PDB file of all heavy atoms in Angstrom:
ATOM      1  N   LEU A   1      36.834  12.592  56.423  1.00  0.00           N
ATOM      2  CA  LEU A   1      35.645  12.793  57.269  1.00  0.00           C
ATOM      3  C   LEU A   1      35.524  14.252  57.771  1.00  0.00           C
ATOM      4  O   LEU A   1      34.391  14.721  58.083  1.00  0.00           O
ATOM      5  CB  LEU A   1      35.686  11.891  58.536  1.00  0.00           C
ATOM      6  CG  LEU A   1      35.645  10.391  58.297  1.00  0.00           C
ATOM      7  CD1 LEU A   1      35.771   9.662  59.648  1.00  0.00           C
ATOM      8  CD2 LEU A   1      34.352   9.954  57.594  1.00  0.00           C
ATOM      9  N   TRP A   2      36.623  14.957  57.816  1.00  0.00           N
ATOM     10  CA  TRP A   2      36.544  16.323  58.407  1.00  0.00           C
ATOM     11  C   TRP A   2      35.680  17.304  57.624  1.00  0.00           C
ATOM     12  O   TRP A   2      34.897  18.028  58.254  1.00  0.00           O
ATOM     13  CB  TRP A   2      37.983  16.867  58.543  1.00  0.00           C
ATOM     14  CG  TRP A   2      38.823  16.083  59.528  1.00  0.00           C
ATOM     15  CD1 TRP A   2      39.917  15.363  59.243  1.00  0.00           C
ATOM     16  CD2 TRP A   2      38.590  15.904  60.921  1.00  0.00           C
ATOM     17  NE1 TRP A   2      40.394  14.751  60.400  1.00  0.00           N
ATOM     18  CE2 TRP A   2      39.601  15.059  61.468  1.00  0.00           C
ATOM     19  CE3 TRP A   2      37.614  16.387  61.819  1.00  0.00           C
ATOM     20  CZ2 TRP A   2      39.667  14.751  62.787  1.00  0.00           C
ATOM     21  CZ3 TRP A   2      37.703  16.053  63.125  1.00  0.00           C
ATOM     22  CH2 TRP A   2      38.721  15.208  63.638  1.00  0.00           C
ATOM     23  N   PRO A   3      35.759  17.339  56.273  1.00  0.00           N
ATOM     24  CA  PRO A   3      34.808  18.253  55.576  1.00  0.00           C
ATOM     25  C   PRO A   3      33.344  17.905  55.851  1.00  0.00           C
ATOM     26  O   PRO A   3      32.504  18.779  56.000  1.00  0.00           O
ATOM     27  CB  PRO A   3      35.172  18.061  54.122  1.00  0.00           C
ATOM     28  CG  PRO A   3      36.557  17.594  54.128  1.00  0.00           C
ATOM     29  CD  PRO A   3      36.694  16.747  55.354  1.00  0.00           C
ATOM     30  N   ALA A   4      33.038  16.595  55.840  1.00  0.00           N
ATOM     31  CA  ALA A   4      31.667  16.194  56.108  1.00  0.00           C
ATOM     32  C   ALA A   4      31.228  16.533  57.512  1.00  0.00           C
ATOM     33  O   ALA A   4      30.070  17.014  57.765  1.00  0.00           O
ATOM     34  CB  ALA A   4      31.490  14.673  55.848  1.00  0.00           C
ATOM     35  N   LEU A   5      32.127  16.346  58.464  1.00  0.00           N
ATOM     36  CA  LEU A   5      31.861  16.737  59.866  1.00  0.00           C
ATOM     37  C   LEU A   5      31.607  18.261  60.002  1.00  0.00           C
ATOM     38  O   LEU A   5      30.734  18.667  60.708  1.00  0.00           O
ATOM     39  CB  LEU A   5      33.031  16.278  60.783  1.00  0.00           C
ATOM     40  CG  LEU A   5      32.749  16.338  62.261  1.00  0.00           C
ATOM     41  CD1 LEU A   5      31.529  15.459  62.696  1.00  0.00           C
ATOM     42  CD2 LEU A   5      34.003  15.877  63.051  1.00  0.00           C
ATOM     43  N   ALA A   6      32.424  19.030  59.295  1.00  0.00           N
ATOM     44  CA  ALA A   6      32.226  20.496  59.348  1.00  0.00           C
ATOM     45  C   ALA A   6      30.937  20.885  58.731  1.00  0.00           C
ATOM     46  O   ALA A   6      30.228  21.790  59.232  1.00  0.00           O
ATOM     47  CB  ALA A   6      33.430  21.191  58.599  1.00  0.00           C
ATOM     48  N   LEU A   7      30.526  20.272  57.602  1.00  0.00           N
ATOM     49  CA  LEU A   7      29.222  20.556  56.997  1.00  0.00           C
ATOM     50  C   LEU A   7      28.078  20.185  57.913  1.00  0.00           C
ATOM     51  O   LEU A   7      27.081  20.901  58.020  1.00  0.00           O
ATOM     52  CB  LEU A   7      29.105  19.826  55.669  1.00  0.00           C
ATOM     53  CG  LEU A   7      29.811  20.371  54.443  1.00  0.00           C
ATOM     54  CD1 LEU A   7      29.691  19.459  53.274  1.00  0.00           C
ATOM     55  CD2 LEU A   7      29.209  21.730  54.098  1.00  0.00           C
ATOM     56  N   LEU A   8      28.235  19.071  58.581  1.00  0.00           N
ATOM     57  CA  LEU A   8      27.165  18.645  59.563  1.00  0.00           C
ATOM     58  C   LEU A   8      27.031  19.633  60.690  1.00  0.00           C
ATOM     59  O   LEU A   8      25.913  19.992  61.086  1.00  0.00           O
ATOM     60  CB  LEU A   8      27.439  17.206  60.041  1.00  0.00           C
ATOM     61  CG  LEU A   8      26.466  16.672  61.108  1.00  0.00           C
ATOM     62  CD1 LEU A   8      25.049  16.696  60.529  1.00  0.00           C
ATOM     63  CD2 LEU A   8      26.864  15.294  61.537  1.00  0.00           C
ATOM     64  N   ALA A   9      28.191  20.057  61.250  1.00  0.00           N
ATOM     65  CA  ALA A   9      28.129  21.002  62.361  1.00  0.00           C
ATOM     66  C   ALA A   9      27.471  22.299  61.866  1.00  0.00           C
ATOM     67  O   ALA A   9      26.639  22.887  62.619  1.00  0.00           O
ATOM     68  CB  ALA A   9      29.577  21.281  62.865  1.00  0.00           C
ATOM     69  N   ALA A  10      27.831  22.829  60.707  1.00  0.00           N
ATOM     70  CA  ALA A  10      27.202  24.030  60.207  1.00  0.00           C
ATOM     71  C   ALA A  10      25.705  23.868  59.983  1.00  0.00           C
ATOM     72  O   ALA A  10      24.926  24.741  60.296  1.00  0.00           O
ATOM     73  CB  ALA A  10      27.905  24.439  58.877  1.00  0.00           C
ATOM     74  N   SER A  11      25.292  22.665  59.469  1.00  0.00           N
ATOM     75  CA  SER A  11      23.907  22.428  59.222  1.00  0.00           C
ATOM     76  C   SER A  11      23.128  22.397  60.496  1.00  0.00           C
ATOM     77  O   SER A  11      22.006  22.906  60.595  1.00  0.00           O
ATOM     78  CB  SER A  11      23.774  21.111  58.445  1.00  0.00           C
ATOM     79  OG  SER A  11      24.370  21.116  57.214  1.00  0.00           O
ATOM     80  N   CYS A  12      23.720  21.755  61.553  1.00  0.00           N
ATOM     81  CA  CYS A  12      23.046  21.672  62.834  1.00  0.00           C
ATOM     82  C   CYS A  12      22.876  23.063  63.455  1.00  0.00           C
ATOM     83  O   CYS A  12      21.794  23.368  64.071  1.00  0.00           O
ATOM     84  CB  CYS A  12      23.802  20.734  63.781  1.00  0.00           C
ATOM     85  SG  CYS A  12      23.780  18.990  63.285  1.00  0.00           S
ATOM     86  N   VAL A  13      23.916  23.892  63.389  1.00  0.00           N
ATOM     87  CA  VAL A  13      23.817  25.213  63.959  1.00  0.00           C
ATOM     88  C   VAL A  13      22.723  26.048  63.275  1.00  0.00           C
ATOM     89  O   VAL A  13      21.957  26.706  63.858  1.00  0.00           O
ATOM     90  CB  VAL A  13      25.190  25.928  63.877  1.00  0.00           C
ATOM     91  CG1 VAL A  13      25.030  27.382  64.259  1.00  0.00           C
ATOM     92  CG2 VAL A  13      26.215  25.253  64.785  1.00  0.00           C
ATOM     93  N   LEU A  14      22.707  25.958  61.923  1.00  0.00           N
ATOM     94  CA  LEU A  14      21.733  26.683  61.158  1.00  0.00           C
ATOM     95  C   LEU A  14      20.318  26.225  61.483  1.00  0.00           C
ATOM     96  O   LEU A  14      19.403  26.981  61.549  1.00  0.00           O
ATOM     97  CB  LEU A  14      22.053  26.609  59.670  1.00  0.00           C
ATOM     98  CG  LEU A  14      23.215  27.378  59.119  1.00  0.00           C
ATOM     99  CD1 LEU A  14      23.454  27.055  57.639  1.00  0.00           C
ATOM    100  CD2 LEU A  14      22.991  28.890  59.301  1.00  0.00           C
ATOM    101  N   PHE A  15      20.191  24.866  61.587  1.00  0.00           N
ATOM    102  CA  PHE A  15      18.846  24.329  61.856  1.00  0.00           C
ATOM    103  C   PHE A  15      18.341  24.801  63.183  1.00  0.00           C
ATOM    104  O   PHE A  15      17.166  25.080  63.381  1.00  0.00           O
ATOM    105  CB  PHE A  15      18.928  22.810  61.804  1.00  0.00           C
ATOM    106  CG  PHE A  15      17.597  22.175  62.082  1.00  0.00           C
ATOM    107  CD1 PHE A  15      16.621  22.042  61.075  1.00  0.00           C
ATOM    108  CD2 PHE A  15      17.346  21.629  63.342  1.00  0.00           C
ATOM    109  CE1 PHE A  15      15.404  21.432  61.349  1.00  0.00           C
ATOM    110  CE2 PHE A  15      16.143  21.021  63.589  1.00  0.00           C
ATOM    111  CZ  PHE A  15      15.110  20.926  62.604  1.00  0.00           C
ATOM    112  N   MET A  16      19.255  24.855  64.198  1.00  0.00           N
ATOM    113  CA  MET A  16      18.786  25.207  65.552  1.00  0.00           C
ATOM    114  C   MET A  16      18.553  26.685  65.704  1.00  0.00           C
ATOM    115  O   MET A  16      17.815  27.081  66.591  1.00  0.00           O
ATOM    116  CB  MET A  16      19.874  24.708  66.547  1.00  0.00           C
ATOM    117  CG  MET A  16      20.017  23.208  66.598  1.00  0.00           C
ATOM    118  SD  MET A  16      18.556  22.404  67.265  1.00  0.00           S
ATOM    119  CE  MET A  16      18.495  22.978  68.971  1.00  0.00           C
ATOM    120  N   THR A  17      19.256  27.506  64.927  1.00  0.00           N
ATOM    121  CA  THR A  17      19.269  28.968  65.199  1.00  0.00           C
ATOM    122  C   THR A  17      18.551  29.809  64.142  1.00  0.00           C
ATOM    123  O   THR A  17      18.095  30.928  64.485  1.00  0.00           O
ATOM    124  CB  THR A  17      20.695  29.498  65.370  1.00  0.00           C
ATOM    125  OG1 THR A  17      21.455  29.283  64.117  1.00  0.00           O
ATOM    126  CG2 THR A  17      21.391  28.774  66.473  1.00  0.00           C
ATOM    127  N   LEU A  18      18.424  29.294  62.930  1.00  0.00           N
ATOM    128  CA  LEU A  18      17.849  30.154  61.839  1.00  0.00           C
ATOM    129  C   LEU A  18      16.434  30.507  62.097  1.00  0.00           C
ATOM    130  O   LEU A  18      15.610  29.585  62.339  1.00  0.00           O
ATOM    131  CB  LEU A  18      17.941  29.382  60.506  1.00  0.00           C
ATOM    132  CG  LEU A  18      17.835  30.255  59.245  1.00  0.00           C
ATOM    133  CD1 LEU A  18      18.989  31.270  59.191  1.00  0.00           C
ATOM    134  CD2 LEU A  18      17.904  29.330  57.999  1.00  0.00           C
ATOM    135  N   GLY A  19      16.087  31.767  62.118  1.00  0.00           N
ATOM    136  CA  GLY A  19      14.741  32.205  62.319  1.00  0.00           C
ATOM    137  C   GLY A  19      14.177  32.013  63.680  1.00  0.00           C
ATOM    138  O   GLY A  19      12.956  32.095  63.913  1.00  0.00           O
ATOM    139  N   ALA A  20      15.093  31.908  64.720  1.00  0.00           N
ATOM    140  CA  ALA A  20      14.616  31.703  66.065  1.00  0.00           C
ATOM    141  C   ALA A  20      14.018  33.005  66.719  1.00  0.00           C
ATOM    142  O   ALA A  20      13.069  32.928  67.511  1.00  0.00           O
ATOM    143  CB  ALA A  20      15.741  31.181  66.970  1.00  0.00           C
ATOM    144  N   ASN A  21      14.588  34.116  66.354  1.00  0.00           N
ATOM    145  CA  ASN A  21      14.055  35.409  66.804  1.00  0.00           C
ATOM    146  C   ASN A  21      14.022  35.552  68.307  1.00  0.00           C
ATOM    147  O   ASN A  21      13.106  36.217  68.881  1.00  0.00           O
ATOM    148  CB  ASN A  21      12.672  35.688  66.230  1.00  0.00           C
ATOM    149  CG  ASN A  21      12.641  35.747  64.762  1.00  0.00           C
ATOM    150  OD1 ASN A  21      13.557  36.275  64.078  1.00  0.00           O
ATOM    151  ND2 ASN A  21      11.581  35.197  64.099  1.00  0.00           N
ATOM    152  N   GLY A  22      14.992  34.880  69.013  1.00  0.00           N
ATOM    153  CA  GLY A  22      15.097  35.045  70.444  1.00  0.00           C
ATOM    154  C   GLY A  22      14.218  34.185  71.277  1.00  0.00           C
ATOM    155  O   GLY A  22      14.332  34.240  72.517  1.00  0.00           O
ATOM    156  N   HIS A  23      13.323  33.411  70.715  1.00  0.00           N
ATOM    157  CA  HIS A  23      12.399  32.568  71.513  1.00  0.00           C
ATOM    158  C   HIS A  23      13.084  31.222  71.785  1.00  0.00           C
ATOM    159  O   HIS A  23      12.609  30.144  71.422  1.00  0.00           O
ATOM    160  CB  HIS A  23      11.099  32.395  70.725  1.00  0.00           C
ATOM    161  CG  HIS A  23      10.393  33.653  70.419  1.00  0.00           C
ATOM    162  ND1 HIS A  23       9.802  34.463  71.354  1.00  0.00           N
ATOM    163  CD2 HIS A  23      10.198  34.264  69.211  1.00  0.00           C
ATOM    164  CE1 HIS A  23       9.290  35.527  70.776  1.00  0.00           C
ATOM    165  NE2 HIS A  23       9.495  35.407  69.467  1.00  0.00           N
ATOM    166  N   TRP A  24      14.186  31.301  72.500  1.00  0.00           N
ATOM    167  CA  TRP A  24      15.054  30.066  72.663  1.00  0.00           C
ATOM    168  C   TRP A  24      14.395  29.035  73.563  1.00  0.00           C
ATOM    169  O   TRP A  24      14.579  27.839  73.331  1.00  0.00           O
ATOM    170  CB  TRP A  24      16.377  30.488  73.279  1.00  0.00           C
ATOM    171  CG  TRP A  24      17.110  31.478  72.419  1.00  0.00           C
ATOM    172  CD1 TRP A  24      17.406  32.729  72.691  1.00  0.00           C
ATOM    173  CD2 TRP A  24      17.725  31.192  71.131  1.00  0.00           C
ATOM    174  NE1 TRP A  24      18.078  33.344  71.675  1.00  0.00           N
ATOM    175  CE2 TRP A  24      18.314  32.394  70.712  1.00  0.00           C
ATOM    176  CE3 TRP A  24      17.754  30.085  70.309  1.00  0.00           C
ATOM    177  CZ2 TRP A  24      18.966  32.498  69.497  1.00  0.00           C
ATOM    178  CZ3 TRP A  24      18.413  30.201  69.098  1.00  0.00           C
ATOM    179  CH2 TRP A  24      18.975  31.397  68.708  1.00  0.00           C
ATOM    180  N   ASP A  25      13.599  29.439  74.569  1.00  0.00           N
ATOM    181  CA  ASP A  25      12.984  28.432  75.470  1.00  0.00           C
ATOM    182  C   ASP A  25      11.987  27.573  74.703  1.00  0.00           C
ATOM    183  O   ASP A  25      11.705  26.396  75.139  1.00  0.00           O
ATOM    184  CB  ASP A  25      12.327  29.105  76.649  1.00  0.00           C
ATOM    185  CG  ASP A  25      11.314  30.165  76.192  1.00  0.00           C
ATOM    186  OD1 ASP A  25      11.421  30.627  75.104  1.00  0.00           O
ATOM    187  OD2 ASP A  25      10.488  30.552  77.014  1.00  0.00           O
ATOM    188  N   PHE A  26      11.393  28.066  73.638  1.00  0.00           N
ATOM    189  CA  PHE A  26      10.500  27.248  72.833  1.00  0.00           C
ATOM    190  C   PHE A  26      11.190  26.564  71.666  1.00  0.00           C
ATOM    191  O   PHE A  26      10.914  25.464  71.350  1.00  0.00           O
ATOM    192  CB  PHE A  26       9.346  28.168  72.280  1.00  0.00           C
ATOM    193  CG  PHE A  26       8.439  27.532  71.283  1.00  0.00           C
ATOM    194  CD1 PHE A  26       7.492  26.565  71.684  1.00  0.00           C
ATOM    195  CD2 PHE A  26       8.614  27.788  69.924  1.00  0.00           C
ATOM    196  CE1 PHE A  26       6.717  25.921  70.691  1.00  0.00           C
ATOM    197  CE2 PHE A  26       7.827  27.170  68.964  1.00  0.00           C
ATOM    198  CZ  PHE A  26       6.842  26.228  69.380  1.00  0.00           C
ATOM    199  N   VAL A  27      12.055  27.331  71.012  1.00  0.00           N
ATOM    200  CA  VAL A  27      12.668  26.835  69.799  1.00  0.00           C
ATOM    201  C   VAL A  27      13.653  25.737  70.015  1.00  0.00           C
ATOM    202  O   VAL A  27      13.603  24.682  69.319  1.00  0.00           O
ATOM    203  CB  VAL A  27      13.420  28.016  69.031  1.00  0.00           C
ATOM    204  CG1 VAL A  27      14.297  27.462  67.945  1.00  0.00           C
ATOM    205  CG2 VAL A  27      12.407  29.021  68.546  1.00  0.00           C
ATOM    206  N   LEU A  28      14.515  25.839  71.001  1.00  0.00           N
ATOM    207  CA  LEU A  28      15.570  24.852  71.205  1.00  0.00           C
ATOM    208  C   LEU A  28      15.027  23.478  71.544  1.00  0.00           C
ATOM    209  O   LEU A  28      15.484  22.466  70.980  1.00  0.00           O
ATOM    210  CB  LEU A  28      16.547  25.313  72.297  1.00  0.00           C
ATOM    211  CG  LEU A  28      17.442  26.490  71.886  1.00  0.00           C
ATOM    212  CD1 LEU A  28      18.379  26.856  73.070  1.00  0.00           C
ATOM    213  CD2 LEU A  28      18.237  26.214  70.613  1.00  0.00           C
TER     214      LEU A  28
END
């Protein structure tokens, strides 16, 4: 499960932050 969990964590971080350009109050 650990590799899958690591992949999911990386995917979630990328999804939440990629291309945000600092507009966190709208993006998040």
